[in-house]
N, C-alpha and C. Protein backbone atom coordinates (compact mmCIF):
# COMPACT_ATOMS: atom_id res chain seq x y z
N MET A 1 32.03 -20.10 -7.64
CA MET A 1 31.93 -20.46 -6.30
C MET A 1 31.47 -19.37 -5.31
N ARG A 2 31.77 -18.12 -5.68
CA ARG A 2 31.37 -17.01 -4.87
C ARG A 2 29.89 -16.69 -4.92
N SER A 3 29.25 -17.14 -5.93
CA SER A 3 27.80 -16.89 -6.15
C SER A 3 26.92 -17.60 -5.11
N LEU A 4 27.37 -18.68 -4.55
CA LEU A 4 26.55 -19.49 -3.57
C LEU A 4 26.37 -18.63 -2.29
N PRO A 5 27.32 -17.97 -1.63
CA PRO A 5 27.04 -17.21 -0.51
C PRO A 5 26.21 -15.94 -0.86
N LEU A 6 26.38 -15.35 -1.99
CA LEU A 6 25.66 -14.18 -2.36
C LEU A 6 24.16 -14.55 -2.56
N THR A 7 23.89 -15.71 -3.18
CA THR A 7 22.60 -16.32 -3.38
C THR A 7 21.95 -16.50 -2.03
N PHE A 8 22.67 -17.09 -1.11
CA PHE A 8 22.08 -17.43 0.26
C PHE A 8 21.72 -16.07 0.96
N CYS A 9 22.57 -15.08 0.85
CA CYS A 9 22.35 -13.78 1.56
C CYS A 9 21.20 -13.15 0.92
N ALA A 10 20.97 -13.20 -0.33
CA ALA A 10 19.82 -12.58 -1.02
C ALA A 10 18.54 -13.26 -0.67
N ALA A 11 18.54 -14.63 -0.60
CA ALA A 11 17.36 -15.34 -0.17
C ALA A 11 16.98 -15.03 1.31
N ALA A 12 17.97 -14.94 2.12
CA ALA A 12 17.74 -14.58 3.58
C ALA A 12 17.12 -13.17 3.66
N ALA A 13 17.58 -12.26 2.89
CA ALA A 13 17.09 -10.88 2.87
C ALA A 13 15.57 -10.87 2.39
N VAL A 14 15.28 -11.59 1.39
CA VAL A 14 13.93 -11.65 0.86
C VAL A 14 13.02 -12.22 1.90
N ALA A 15 13.44 -13.37 2.51
CA ALA A 15 12.70 -13.98 3.54
C ALA A 15 12.43 -13.10 4.75
N ALA A 16 13.42 -12.33 5.19
CA ALA A 16 13.31 -11.39 6.24
C ALA A 16 12.28 -10.26 5.92
N ILE A 17 12.31 -9.85 4.65
CA ILE A 17 11.35 -8.78 4.30
C ILE A 17 9.94 -9.28 4.14
N ALA A 18 9.83 -10.48 3.50
CA ALA A 18 8.44 -11.03 3.16
C ALA A 18 7.76 -11.67 4.44
N LEU A 19 8.52 -12.19 5.34
CA LEU A 19 7.87 -12.93 6.49
C LEU A 19 7.00 -12.02 7.36
N PRO A 20 7.56 -10.80 7.79
CA PRO A 20 6.75 -10.05 8.76
C PRO A 20 5.40 -9.61 8.18
N ALA A 21 5.13 -9.50 6.92
CA ALA A 21 3.94 -9.07 6.33
C ALA A 21 2.71 -10.05 6.67
N PRO A 22 2.94 -11.33 6.23
CA PRO A 22 1.88 -12.30 6.54
C PRO A 22 1.61 -12.38 8.09
N VAL A 23 2.70 -12.38 8.79
CA VAL A 23 2.49 -12.59 10.24
C VAL A 23 1.80 -11.38 10.84
N ALA A 24 2.01 -10.15 10.39
CA ALA A 24 1.29 -9.02 10.88
C ALA A 24 -0.15 -9.02 10.47
N LEU A 25 -0.44 -9.50 9.24
CA LEU A 25 -1.81 -9.66 8.79
C LEU A 25 -2.55 -10.68 9.61
N ALA A 26 -1.93 -11.83 9.91
CA ALA A 26 -2.53 -12.86 10.73
C ALA A 26 -2.79 -12.39 12.14
N VAL A 27 -1.97 -11.65 12.73
CA VAL A 27 -2.11 -11.13 14.04
C VAL A 27 -3.32 -10.15 14.13
N GLN A 28 -3.31 -9.26 12.96
CA GLN A 28 -4.44 -8.30 13.01
C GLN A 28 -5.79 -8.91 12.85
N ALA A 29 -5.91 -9.98 12.11
CA ALA A 29 -7.22 -10.60 11.82
C ALA A 29 -7.65 -11.50 12.94
N ALA A 30 -6.79 -11.86 13.77
CA ALA A 30 -7.16 -12.79 14.96
C ALA A 30 -7.97 -12.11 15.90
N PRO A 31 -9.04 -12.88 16.50
CA PRO A 31 -9.83 -12.31 17.58
C PRO A 31 -9.03 -11.87 18.74
N ALA A 32 -9.47 -10.82 19.37
CA ALA A 32 -8.76 -10.29 20.55
C ALA A 32 -9.34 -10.89 21.86
N GLY A 33 -8.60 -11.88 22.32
CA GLY A 33 -9.07 -12.53 23.62
C GLY A 33 -10.24 -13.58 23.40
N ASN A 34 -10.83 -13.91 24.59
CA ASN A 34 -11.88 -14.89 24.58
C ASN A 34 -13.28 -14.36 24.65
N ASP A 35 -13.43 -12.96 24.46
CA ASP A 35 -14.70 -12.37 24.57
C ASP A 35 -15.52 -12.27 23.26
N ASP A 36 -15.14 -13.28 22.30
CA ASP A 36 -15.89 -13.21 21.02
C ASP A 36 -15.76 -12.00 20.21
N ARG A 37 -14.69 -11.31 20.36
CA ARG A 37 -14.43 -10.04 19.58
C ARG A 37 -13.61 -10.41 18.38
N GLY A 38 -13.99 -9.87 17.24
CA GLY A 38 -13.19 -10.01 16.07
C GLY A 38 -12.87 -8.64 15.50
N SER A 39 -12.38 -8.58 14.31
CA SER A 39 -11.95 -7.28 13.70
C SER A 39 -12.94 -7.01 12.54
N VAL A 40 -13.04 -5.81 12.21
CA VAL A 40 -13.84 -5.29 11.00
C VAL A 40 -12.86 -4.76 10.05
N SER A 41 -12.85 -5.20 8.87
CA SER A 41 -12.03 -4.65 7.74
C SER A 41 -12.76 -3.51 7.12
N VAL A 42 -12.25 -2.34 7.05
CA VAL A 42 -12.80 -1.15 6.46
C VAL A 42 -12.06 -0.78 5.22
N THR A 43 -12.75 -0.80 4.07
CA THR A 43 -12.08 -0.46 2.78
C THR A 43 -12.82 0.65 2.10
N PRO A 44 -12.17 1.84 1.80
CA PRO A 44 -10.84 2.26 2.20
C PRO A 44 -10.85 2.72 3.67
N SER A 45 -9.59 2.60 4.28
CA SER A 45 -9.59 2.87 5.69
C SER A 45 -9.51 4.42 5.90
N THR A 46 -9.12 5.25 4.94
CA THR A 46 -9.10 6.67 4.92
C THR A 46 -10.00 7.22 3.83
N ILE A 47 -10.94 8.01 4.22
CA ILE A 47 -11.91 8.50 3.22
C ILE A 47 -12.32 9.94 3.56
N ALA A 48 -12.91 10.64 2.62
CA ALA A 48 -13.39 12.03 2.72
C ALA A 48 -14.84 11.91 3.16
N PRO A 49 -15.36 12.94 3.80
CA PRO A 49 -16.74 13.02 4.17
C PRO A 49 -17.63 12.83 2.91
N GLY A 50 -18.72 12.14 3.07
CA GLY A 50 -19.61 11.91 1.95
C GLY A 50 -19.24 10.62 1.17
N GLY A 51 -18.14 10.02 1.42
CA GLY A 51 -17.68 8.87 0.68
C GLY A 51 -18.38 7.60 1.25
N GLU A 52 -18.12 6.54 0.61
CA GLU A 52 -18.75 5.18 0.99
C GLU A 52 -17.60 4.18 1.31
N VAL A 53 -17.80 3.46 2.37
CA VAL A 53 -16.86 2.44 2.72
C VAL A 53 -17.47 1.06 2.76
N GLU A 54 -16.68 0.04 2.49
CA GLU A 54 -17.12 -1.35 2.52
C GLU A 54 -16.59 -1.98 3.94
N LEU A 55 -17.49 -2.64 4.53
CA LEU A 55 -17.15 -3.35 5.80
C LEU A 55 -17.21 -4.82 5.70
N TRP A 56 -16.27 -5.51 6.20
CA TRP A 56 -16.24 -6.96 6.16
C TRP A 56 -15.70 -7.55 7.45
N THR A 57 -16.39 -8.57 7.93
CA THR A 57 -16.03 -9.26 9.16
C THR A 57 -16.39 -10.68 9.06
N ASP A 58 -15.62 -11.54 9.81
CA ASP A 58 -16.01 -12.91 9.93
C ASP A 58 -16.33 -13.35 11.38
N ALA A 59 -16.59 -12.37 12.15
CA ALA A 59 -16.88 -12.57 13.59
C ALA A 59 -18.23 -13.22 13.80
N CYS A 60 -19.17 -13.04 12.86
CA CYS A 60 -20.51 -13.65 13.04
C CYS A 60 -20.68 -14.90 12.28
N GLY A 61 -19.65 -15.27 11.51
CA GLY A 61 -19.79 -16.58 10.73
C GLY A 61 -20.47 -16.35 9.38
N LYS A 62 -20.46 -17.41 8.58
CA LYS A 62 -21.03 -17.44 7.22
C LYS A 62 -22.61 -17.51 7.38
N GLY A 63 -23.19 -16.75 6.51
CA GLY A 63 -24.70 -16.82 6.50
C GLY A 63 -25.46 -16.10 7.58
N ARG A 64 -24.83 -15.46 8.42
CA ARG A 64 -25.44 -14.80 9.56
C ARG A 64 -25.52 -13.27 9.14
N SER A 65 -26.29 -12.52 9.94
CA SER A 65 -26.43 -11.14 9.71
C SER A 65 -25.96 -10.38 10.97
N ALA A 66 -25.74 -9.03 10.71
CA ALA A 66 -25.30 -8.18 11.88
C ALA A 66 -25.57 -6.82 11.56
N LYS A 67 -25.43 -5.92 12.55
CA LYS A 67 -25.61 -4.47 12.40
C LYS A 67 -24.27 -3.82 12.80
N GLY A 68 -23.83 -2.77 11.98
CA GLY A 68 -22.65 -2.12 12.27
C GLY A 68 -22.96 -0.57 12.48
N ASN A 69 -22.15 0.02 13.26
CA ASN A 69 -22.41 1.51 13.39
C ASN A 69 -21.02 2.15 13.71
N SER A 70 -21.11 3.48 13.53
CA SER A 70 -19.98 4.38 13.82
C SER A 70 -20.48 5.76 13.91
N ASP A 71 -19.84 6.61 14.66
CA ASP A 71 -20.21 8.05 14.77
C ASP A 71 -20.00 8.70 13.40
N ALA A 72 -19.31 8.14 12.51
CA ALA A 72 -18.96 8.72 11.21
C ALA A 72 -20.12 8.29 10.17
N PHE A 73 -20.83 7.33 10.40
CA PHE A 73 -21.81 6.81 9.41
C PHE A 73 -23.13 7.68 9.39
N VAL A 74 -23.79 7.71 8.23
CA VAL A 74 -25.03 8.40 8.13
C VAL A 74 -26.11 7.60 8.88
N SER A 75 -26.06 6.32 8.67
CA SER A 75 -27.06 5.37 9.25
C SER A 75 -26.42 4.08 9.61
N GLU A 76 -27.15 3.23 10.24
CA GLU A 76 -26.62 1.86 10.62
C GLU A 76 -26.35 1.09 9.40
N ALA A 77 -25.28 0.31 9.43
CA ALA A 77 -24.91 -0.58 8.33
C ALA A 77 -25.50 -1.94 8.50
N ARG A 78 -26.14 -2.55 7.63
CA ARG A 78 -26.73 -3.84 7.73
C ARG A 78 -25.78 -4.84 6.89
N PHE A 79 -25.34 -5.91 7.65
CA PHE A 79 -24.51 -6.85 7.03
C PHE A 79 -25.31 -8.02 6.43
N ALA A 80 -24.80 -8.53 5.34
CA ALA A 80 -25.39 -9.62 4.73
C ALA A 80 -24.25 -10.66 4.37
N PRO A 81 -24.62 -11.91 4.15
CA PRO A 81 -23.55 -12.94 3.75
C PRO A 81 -22.81 -12.54 2.57
N ALA A 82 -21.54 -12.87 2.57
CA ALA A 82 -20.61 -12.54 1.48
C ALA A 82 -19.91 -13.85 1.01
N ASP A 83 -19.20 -13.74 -0.07
CA ASP A 83 -18.51 -14.92 -0.49
C ASP A 83 -17.49 -15.31 0.54
N GLY A 84 -17.21 -16.57 0.66
CA GLY A 84 -16.19 -17.04 1.66
C GLY A 84 -16.99 -17.28 3.05
N LYS A 85 -16.38 -16.86 4.11
CA LYS A 85 -16.92 -17.20 5.41
C LYS A 85 -17.31 -15.93 6.20
N GLY A 86 -17.41 -14.80 5.56
CA GLY A 86 -17.70 -13.56 6.27
C GLY A 86 -18.99 -12.86 5.86
N ILE A 87 -19.27 -11.73 6.46
CA ILE A 87 -20.42 -10.86 6.06
C ILE A 87 -19.91 -9.51 5.62
N LEU A 88 -20.70 -8.88 4.76
CA LEU A 88 -20.30 -7.63 4.16
C LEU A 88 -21.43 -6.59 4.28
N ALA A 89 -21.07 -5.27 4.34
CA ALA A 89 -21.97 -4.19 4.38
C ALA A 89 -21.27 -3.00 3.71
N GLU A 90 -22.08 -1.94 3.38
CA GLU A 90 -21.57 -0.71 2.88
C GLU A 90 -22.19 0.39 3.67
N ALA A 91 -21.40 1.41 3.91
CA ALA A 91 -21.86 2.50 4.84
C ALA A 91 -21.32 3.84 4.20
N ARG A 92 -22.23 4.84 4.27
CA ARG A 92 -21.81 6.15 3.78
C ARG A 92 -21.36 7.04 4.96
N ILE A 93 -20.31 7.81 4.75
CA ILE A 93 -19.74 8.69 5.74
C ILE A 93 -20.57 9.98 5.72
N ARG A 94 -20.83 10.51 6.89
CA ARG A 94 -21.55 11.79 6.97
C ARG A 94 -20.84 12.86 6.34
N SER A 95 -21.53 13.81 5.62
CA SER A 95 -20.85 14.92 4.96
C SER A 95 -20.29 15.89 5.88
N ASP A 96 -20.79 15.92 7.16
CA ASP A 96 -20.32 16.89 8.06
C ASP A 96 -19.34 16.21 9.12
N ALA A 97 -18.83 15.06 8.82
CA ALA A 97 -17.96 14.32 9.75
C ALA A 97 -16.57 15.11 9.85
N GLU A 98 -16.20 15.23 11.04
CA GLU A 98 -14.87 15.92 11.31
C GLU A 98 -13.68 15.03 10.91
N PRO A 99 -12.65 15.67 10.50
CA PRO A 99 -11.42 14.89 10.14
C PRO A 99 -10.76 14.25 11.46
N ARG A 100 -10.91 13.05 11.60
CA ARG A 100 -10.26 12.36 12.77
C ARG A 100 -10.49 10.77 12.59
N SER A 101 -10.03 10.06 13.55
CA SER A 101 -10.25 8.61 13.59
C SER A 101 -11.55 8.24 14.29
N TYR A 102 -12.34 7.34 13.70
CA TYR A 102 -13.63 6.90 14.26
C TYR A 102 -13.57 5.39 14.51
N ASP A 103 -14.19 4.98 15.62
CA ASP A 103 -14.37 3.50 15.83
C ASP A 103 -15.54 2.96 15.10
N VAL A 104 -15.48 1.73 14.67
CA VAL A 104 -16.54 1.04 14.07
C VAL A 104 -16.82 -0.19 14.82
N TRP A 105 -18.07 -0.53 15.15
CA TRP A 105 -18.42 -1.64 15.94
C TRP A 105 -19.52 -2.43 15.25
N VAL A 106 -19.48 -3.76 15.37
CA VAL A 106 -20.44 -4.65 14.78
C VAL A 106 -20.93 -5.59 15.78
N THR A 107 -22.32 -5.78 15.86
CA THR A 107 -22.88 -6.70 16.76
C THR A 107 -23.67 -7.68 15.89
N CYS A 108 -23.37 -9.00 16.14
CA CYS A 108 -24.03 -10.03 15.44
C CYS A 108 -25.47 -10.17 15.80
N LYS A 109 -26.41 -10.58 14.86
CA LYS A 109 -27.79 -10.61 15.10
C LYS A 109 -28.17 -11.47 16.29
N ASP A 110 -27.56 -12.60 16.49
CA ASP A 110 -27.85 -13.44 17.64
C ASP A 110 -27.14 -13.08 18.94
N GLY A 111 -26.36 -11.99 18.85
CA GLY A 111 -25.70 -11.47 20.09
C GLY A 111 -24.52 -12.25 20.47
N LYS A 112 -24.05 -13.21 19.72
CA LYS A 112 -22.94 -14.07 20.14
C LYS A 112 -21.61 -13.65 19.51
N GLY A 113 -21.58 -12.61 18.92
CA GLY A 113 -20.30 -12.15 18.35
C GLY A 113 -20.25 -10.66 18.20
N LYS A 114 -19.10 -10.03 18.42
CA LYS A 114 -18.84 -8.64 18.23
C LYS A 114 -17.55 -8.51 17.46
N ALA A 115 -17.43 -7.36 16.85
CA ALA A 115 -16.25 -7.06 16.17
C ALA A 115 -16.02 -5.46 16.23
N THR A 116 -14.81 -5.03 16.20
CA THR A 116 -14.45 -3.62 16.19
C THR A 116 -13.40 -3.35 15.08
N GLY A 117 -13.44 -2.11 14.73
CA GLY A 117 -12.42 -1.61 13.78
C GLY A 117 -12.30 -0.15 13.85
N SER A 118 -11.68 0.45 12.83
CA SER A 118 -11.62 1.98 12.81
C SER A 118 -11.46 2.48 11.45
N LEU A 119 -11.76 3.69 11.19
CA LEU A 119 -11.56 4.42 9.92
C LEU A 119 -11.12 5.78 10.26
N THR A 120 -10.54 6.45 9.24
CA THR A 120 -10.02 7.86 9.38
C THR A 120 -10.71 8.66 8.30
N VAL A 121 -11.40 9.76 8.81
CA VAL A 121 -11.91 10.76 7.88
C VAL A 121 -10.98 11.84 7.67
N MET A 122 -10.72 12.17 6.42
CA MET A 122 -9.79 13.27 6.15
C MET A 122 -10.43 14.29 5.13
N ARG A 123 -10.17 15.53 5.33
CA ARG A 123 -10.66 16.57 4.39
C ARG A 123 -9.62 16.62 3.19
N HIS A 124 -10.21 16.71 2.04
CA HIS A 124 -9.30 16.96 0.79
C HIS A 124 -9.29 18.43 0.57
N SER A 125 -8.25 18.87 -0.11
CA SER A 125 -8.00 20.30 -0.34
C SER A 125 -9.04 20.83 -1.40
N ARG A 126 -9.53 19.97 -2.25
CA ARG A 126 -10.53 20.34 -3.20
C ARG A 126 -11.68 19.41 -3.22
N PRO A 127 -12.87 19.86 -3.44
CA PRO A 127 -13.98 18.89 -3.36
C PRO A 127 -13.97 17.90 -4.57
N SER A 128 -14.43 16.72 -4.34
CA SER A 128 -14.54 15.72 -5.29
C SER A 128 -15.90 15.14 -5.34
N PRO A 129 -16.35 14.70 -6.50
CA PRO A 129 -17.74 14.24 -6.60
C PRO A 129 -17.89 13.00 -5.78
N VAL A 130 -19.06 12.82 -5.27
CA VAL A 130 -19.36 11.64 -4.48
C VAL A 130 -19.80 10.48 -5.48
N ALA A 131 -20.59 10.81 -6.41
CA ALA A 131 -21.08 9.85 -7.40
C ALA A 131 -20.39 10.16 -8.70
N PRO A 132 -20.35 9.18 -9.60
CA PRO A 132 -19.72 9.39 -10.87
C PRO A 132 -20.39 10.52 -11.65
N VAL A 133 -19.64 11.42 -12.29
CA VAL A 133 -20.17 12.40 -13.17
C VAL A 133 -20.21 12.01 -14.57
N ARG A 134 -21.29 11.90 -15.23
CA ARG A 134 -21.41 11.50 -16.70
C ARG A 134 -21.09 12.62 -17.56
N ALA A 135 -19.88 13.16 -17.50
CA ALA A 135 -19.54 14.31 -18.29
C ALA A 135 -18.56 13.95 -19.34
N GLY A 136 -17.99 12.77 -19.32
CA GLY A 136 -17.04 12.37 -20.35
C GLY A 136 -15.75 13.01 -19.99
N GLY A 137 -14.66 12.64 -20.85
CA GLY A 137 -13.33 13.30 -20.72
C GLY A 137 -12.45 12.60 -19.71
N GLY A 138 -13.05 11.59 -18.90
CA GLY A 138 -12.14 10.93 -17.95
C GLY A 138 -11.46 11.80 -17.02
N GLY A 139 -10.09 11.80 -16.90
CA GLY A 139 -9.39 12.51 -16.00
C GLY A 139 -9.06 13.91 -16.49
N THR A 140 -9.61 14.33 -17.60
CA THR A 140 -9.32 15.69 -18.03
C THR A 140 -9.95 16.84 -17.15
N ALA A 141 -10.97 16.48 -16.29
CA ALA A 141 -11.60 17.43 -15.42
C ALA A 141 -10.51 17.94 -14.47
N THR A 142 -9.68 17.17 -13.95
CA THR A 142 -8.54 17.56 -13.06
C THR A 142 -7.65 18.52 -13.79
N LEU A 143 -7.30 18.21 -15.05
CA LEU A 143 -6.40 19.05 -15.83
C LEU A 143 -7.01 20.37 -16.17
N ALA A 144 -8.24 20.43 -16.45
CA ALA A 144 -8.98 21.67 -16.75
C ALA A 144 -9.08 22.57 -15.56
N ASP A 145 -9.24 21.89 -14.34
CA ASP A 145 -9.26 22.65 -13.11
C ASP A 145 -7.93 23.29 -12.81
N GLN A 146 -6.82 22.61 -13.03
CA GLN A 146 -5.51 23.13 -12.83
C GLN A 146 -5.20 24.17 -13.85
N ALA A 147 -5.66 24.06 -15.13
CA ALA A 147 -5.39 25.10 -16.13
C ALA A 147 -6.18 26.37 -15.77
N ALA A 148 -7.35 26.21 -15.25
CA ALA A 148 -8.04 27.37 -14.83
C ALA A 148 -7.50 28.15 -13.68
N GLN A 149 -6.89 27.41 -12.78
CA GLN A 149 -6.21 28.00 -11.68
C GLN A 149 -4.89 28.76 -11.98
N SER A 150 -4.17 28.22 -13.02
CA SER A 150 -2.92 28.91 -13.31
C SER A 150 -3.12 30.11 -14.22
N ASP A 151 -2.17 30.99 -14.11
CA ASP A 151 -2.31 32.26 -14.82
C ASP A 151 -1.75 32.05 -16.24
N GLY A 152 -2.21 32.83 -17.19
CA GLY A 152 -1.69 32.81 -18.46
C GLY A 152 -0.52 33.63 -18.62
N PRO A 153 -0.03 33.97 -19.86
CA PRO A 153 1.18 34.71 -20.04
C PRO A 153 0.91 36.15 -19.48
N GLY A 154 2.05 36.69 -18.87
CA GLY A 154 1.90 37.95 -18.12
C GLY A 154 2.65 38.99 -18.99
N THR A 155 2.86 40.19 -18.33
CA THR A 155 3.53 41.30 -19.03
C THR A 155 4.95 40.87 -19.41
N ARG A 156 5.60 40.16 -18.63
CA ARG A 156 7.00 39.79 -18.92
C ARG A 156 7.02 38.99 -20.20
N HIS A 157 6.11 38.09 -20.46
CA HIS A 157 6.03 37.26 -21.63
C HIS A 157 5.79 38.12 -22.85
N ALA A 158 4.83 39.08 -22.67
CA ALA A 158 4.45 39.94 -23.81
C ALA A 158 5.64 40.81 -24.24
N VAL A 159 6.41 41.37 -23.26
CA VAL A 159 7.63 42.20 -23.58
C VAL A 159 8.65 41.38 -24.29
N THR A 160 8.87 40.18 -23.74
CA THR A 160 9.89 39.27 -24.39
C THR A 160 9.44 39.02 -25.81
N GLY A 161 8.23 38.71 -26.12
CA GLY A 161 7.74 38.49 -27.52
C GLY A 161 7.93 39.71 -28.42
N LEU A 162 7.58 40.93 -27.89
CA LEU A 162 7.79 42.12 -28.61
C LEU A 162 9.23 42.35 -28.94
N VAL A 163 10.16 42.16 -28.02
CA VAL A 163 11.58 42.40 -28.20
C VAL A 163 12.11 41.40 -29.34
N LEU A 164 11.66 40.13 -29.24
CA LEU A 164 12.08 39.15 -30.27
C LEU A 164 11.49 39.54 -31.65
N ALA A 165 10.32 40.01 -31.76
CA ALA A 165 9.71 40.43 -33.03
C ALA A 165 10.44 41.65 -33.55
N ALA A 166 10.90 42.56 -32.67
CA ALA A 166 11.61 43.74 -33.11
C ALA A 166 12.94 43.33 -33.69
N VAL A 167 13.66 42.46 -32.94
CA VAL A 167 15.02 41.95 -33.49
C VAL A 167 14.86 41.30 -34.79
N ALA A 168 13.78 40.50 -35.02
CA ALA A 168 13.53 39.73 -36.27
C ALA A 168 13.33 40.79 -37.42
N ALA A 169 12.49 41.90 -37.07
CA ALA A 169 12.22 42.90 -38.06
C ALA A 169 13.48 43.71 -38.50
N VAL A 170 14.36 43.93 -37.48
CA VAL A 170 15.58 44.67 -37.81
C VAL A 170 16.54 43.77 -38.67
N ALA A 171 16.61 42.51 -38.32
CA ALA A 171 17.50 41.57 -39.12
C ALA A 171 16.96 41.49 -40.50
N VAL A 172 15.59 41.42 -40.75
CA VAL A 172 15.11 41.31 -42.18
C VAL A 172 15.39 42.68 -42.82
N ALA A 173 15.25 43.81 -42.15
CA ALA A 173 15.53 45.06 -42.81
C ALA A 173 16.98 45.11 -43.23
N PHE A 174 17.96 44.85 -42.40
CA PHE A 174 19.39 44.97 -42.76
C PHE A 174 19.63 43.95 -43.88
N ARG A 175 19.07 42.84 -43.91
CA ARG A 175 19.33 41.88 -45.00
C ARG A 175 18.76 42.44 -46.34
N SER A 176 17.61 43.09 -46.33
CA SER A 176 17.11 43.52 -47.60
C SER A 176 17.89 44.79 -48.04
N VAL A 177 18.44 45.59 -47.07
CA VAL A 177 19.29 46.71 -47.51
C VAL A 177 20.58 46.17 -48.14
N ARG A 178 21.14 45.14 -47.59
CA ARG A 178 22.39 44.59 -48.20
C ARG A 178 22.14 44.12 -49.56
N ARG A 179 20.93 43.57 -49.85
CA ARG A 179 20.78 42.99 -51.20
C ARG A 179 20.49 44.15 -52.16
N ARG A 180 19.93 45.24 -51.71
CA ARG A 180 19.61 46.28 -52.69
C ARG A 180 20.86 47.08 -53.13
N ARG A 181 21.95 47.07 -52.30
CA ARG A 181 23.19 47.88 -52.71
C ARG A 181 23.83 47.19 -53.91
N PRO A 182 24.23 48.02 -54.74
CA PRO A 182 24.96 47.43 -55.97
C PRO A 182 26.43 47.06 -55.45
N ALA A 183 26.87 46.04 -56.04
CA ALA A 183 28.16 45.56 -55.71
C ALA A 183 29.20 46.56 -56.35
N THR A 184 30.20 47.09 -55.63
CA THR A 184 31.14 48.05 -56.09
C THR A 184 32.54 47.40 -56.04
N ASP A 185 33.24 47.36 -57.15
CA ASP A 185 34.59 46.75 -57.22
C ASP A 185 35.57 47.75 -57.60
């Protein structure tokens, strides 16, 4: 009988955790006001200079076209119809883009719709290739880079090895001396 209150409390906790996520997503995708402004979805929203992002919006409707721009883009992004009810474009981030947040704006071709969004440019501690490198090995390039940066065995390791070898040599010498002695009774 005590499992019923426990089950109810667990269901209430799950509902409280799961409900805010869809509500927040619905609020974010809704147009802001009556000025025909929508939102632009930028994937990934955080990227390194030289990377490529995908832009999606439904502000212009299905089958329409639009132009998108940002101070972070190399050139203007041209939108084309996508699956569903929105339009899609790809844009390359300038290689000299400063690490900060950038606004993205989209204007529909007929001028009857606009959308805004944002993206963040971040510098990575080590350079990464922009295009796939056909070198094979998969993720081993990262491991090889880490191995090249770490130091090998130092003087401390060499001295430890020599001491252990000397102890082993002395142990073998004592054992062979004990075997050579004749037994005296």
